[in-house]
Amino acid sequence: MITAMPIPSRTCIWLLFFCSLGHVISANESKMRPNVLLISIDDLRPDLGCYGNGIAHTPNIDALAATGTIFESAYCQQAICMSSRASLLSGMRPEEGQLYENGPLFDHLPDALTINQHFQNQGYKTILAGKLYHHKSDVKKGWSEKPFFPRNPDWVGRGYLSKEAATAAQKYDRENPNVKRRGMGPAFESPDVPWDAYGDGLVAQHAIATLQELGEKPDEPFFLAAGFIRPHLPFNAPKKFWDLYEKSEIVLPETRHSPEEAPGVAATTGGELRGWPSTSLAGEPDPRWS
């Protein structure tokens, strides 16, 4: 089964699968206990082929969607990173514990029973690779083994990791005191590197290897969560993915204003994106970073 939610760009899309890797019935159990793979993708809108977008190249999600169920009227609880994740993973509405900002879930709801805790309580092996909760402090409960977090940098393009780049970042911060993002690299890059040069590629590799390993233990049901950062800022990806698109093919939304009678809190000024330095789509470093 696949769950894909049409949601605003400030939250994440969720894919839920009931996996059949080998047998899922142990010798001591009388009913099937399905394995579960939960995939979260940060800031991914439903601009996918399976939702009718003719420009997006999303063959893998489209193939999965073709074998499952697509939900077309399921919306996020709160259009902000932590709140939507905390609400979905705990089953609590945002007003419970005032889950409106980016504070840790267990700071707001210390007694919350999260989805991974629930599976663990039911005898499941629970495993995490990548970003599931917004705060790592919320990851401390409910896992059978230490979660996997890749250590790869966000920027791998030429010049972004040099000593000179760090000096340029410090200088830029001093000269632009109102910039919210401090000591960060450009808002996007497209270096000619393999996918696993970035953390998301390593998360995918780790999740695949874990599934293969778990498939060799058919009498031990599992809950595996795999969380991907992109397309959250910075918009960094290997060049081969940028090359799939032509700028002239990208159609901007016709509506450039908030809906009538929409509450002011629902609007955005793009402040997060505006807080990052810029670079070229070709992957060339901004002069401030080289």
Foldseek 3Di string as FASTA:
>chain_A
DFEFEAEAQQEKTKTKDFDDQDAQAAPPDDDGDTAMEMEIEHRDHPCDVCVPNPQDDDVVVNVVCVVHPYDYPDYFQARHYQLSLLCVFQVHRCVQLVSHDNDFSCVSVVPGCGPLQVCVVVQAAEEEEEDRHPDVVNVPPRHNDDYHFDPADPDDFPLQPDPLLQVLQVVVCVVCVPQPDGSDFALEFAAQDDQVSDRLVVLVVVVVVVSVVVSVVSHHHHYYYGYHHPPPTSNYGYNVNVVSDDPVPDDDDPDPDDDPPDDPVPDDPCSVNVSGHHDDHHRDGDPSRD
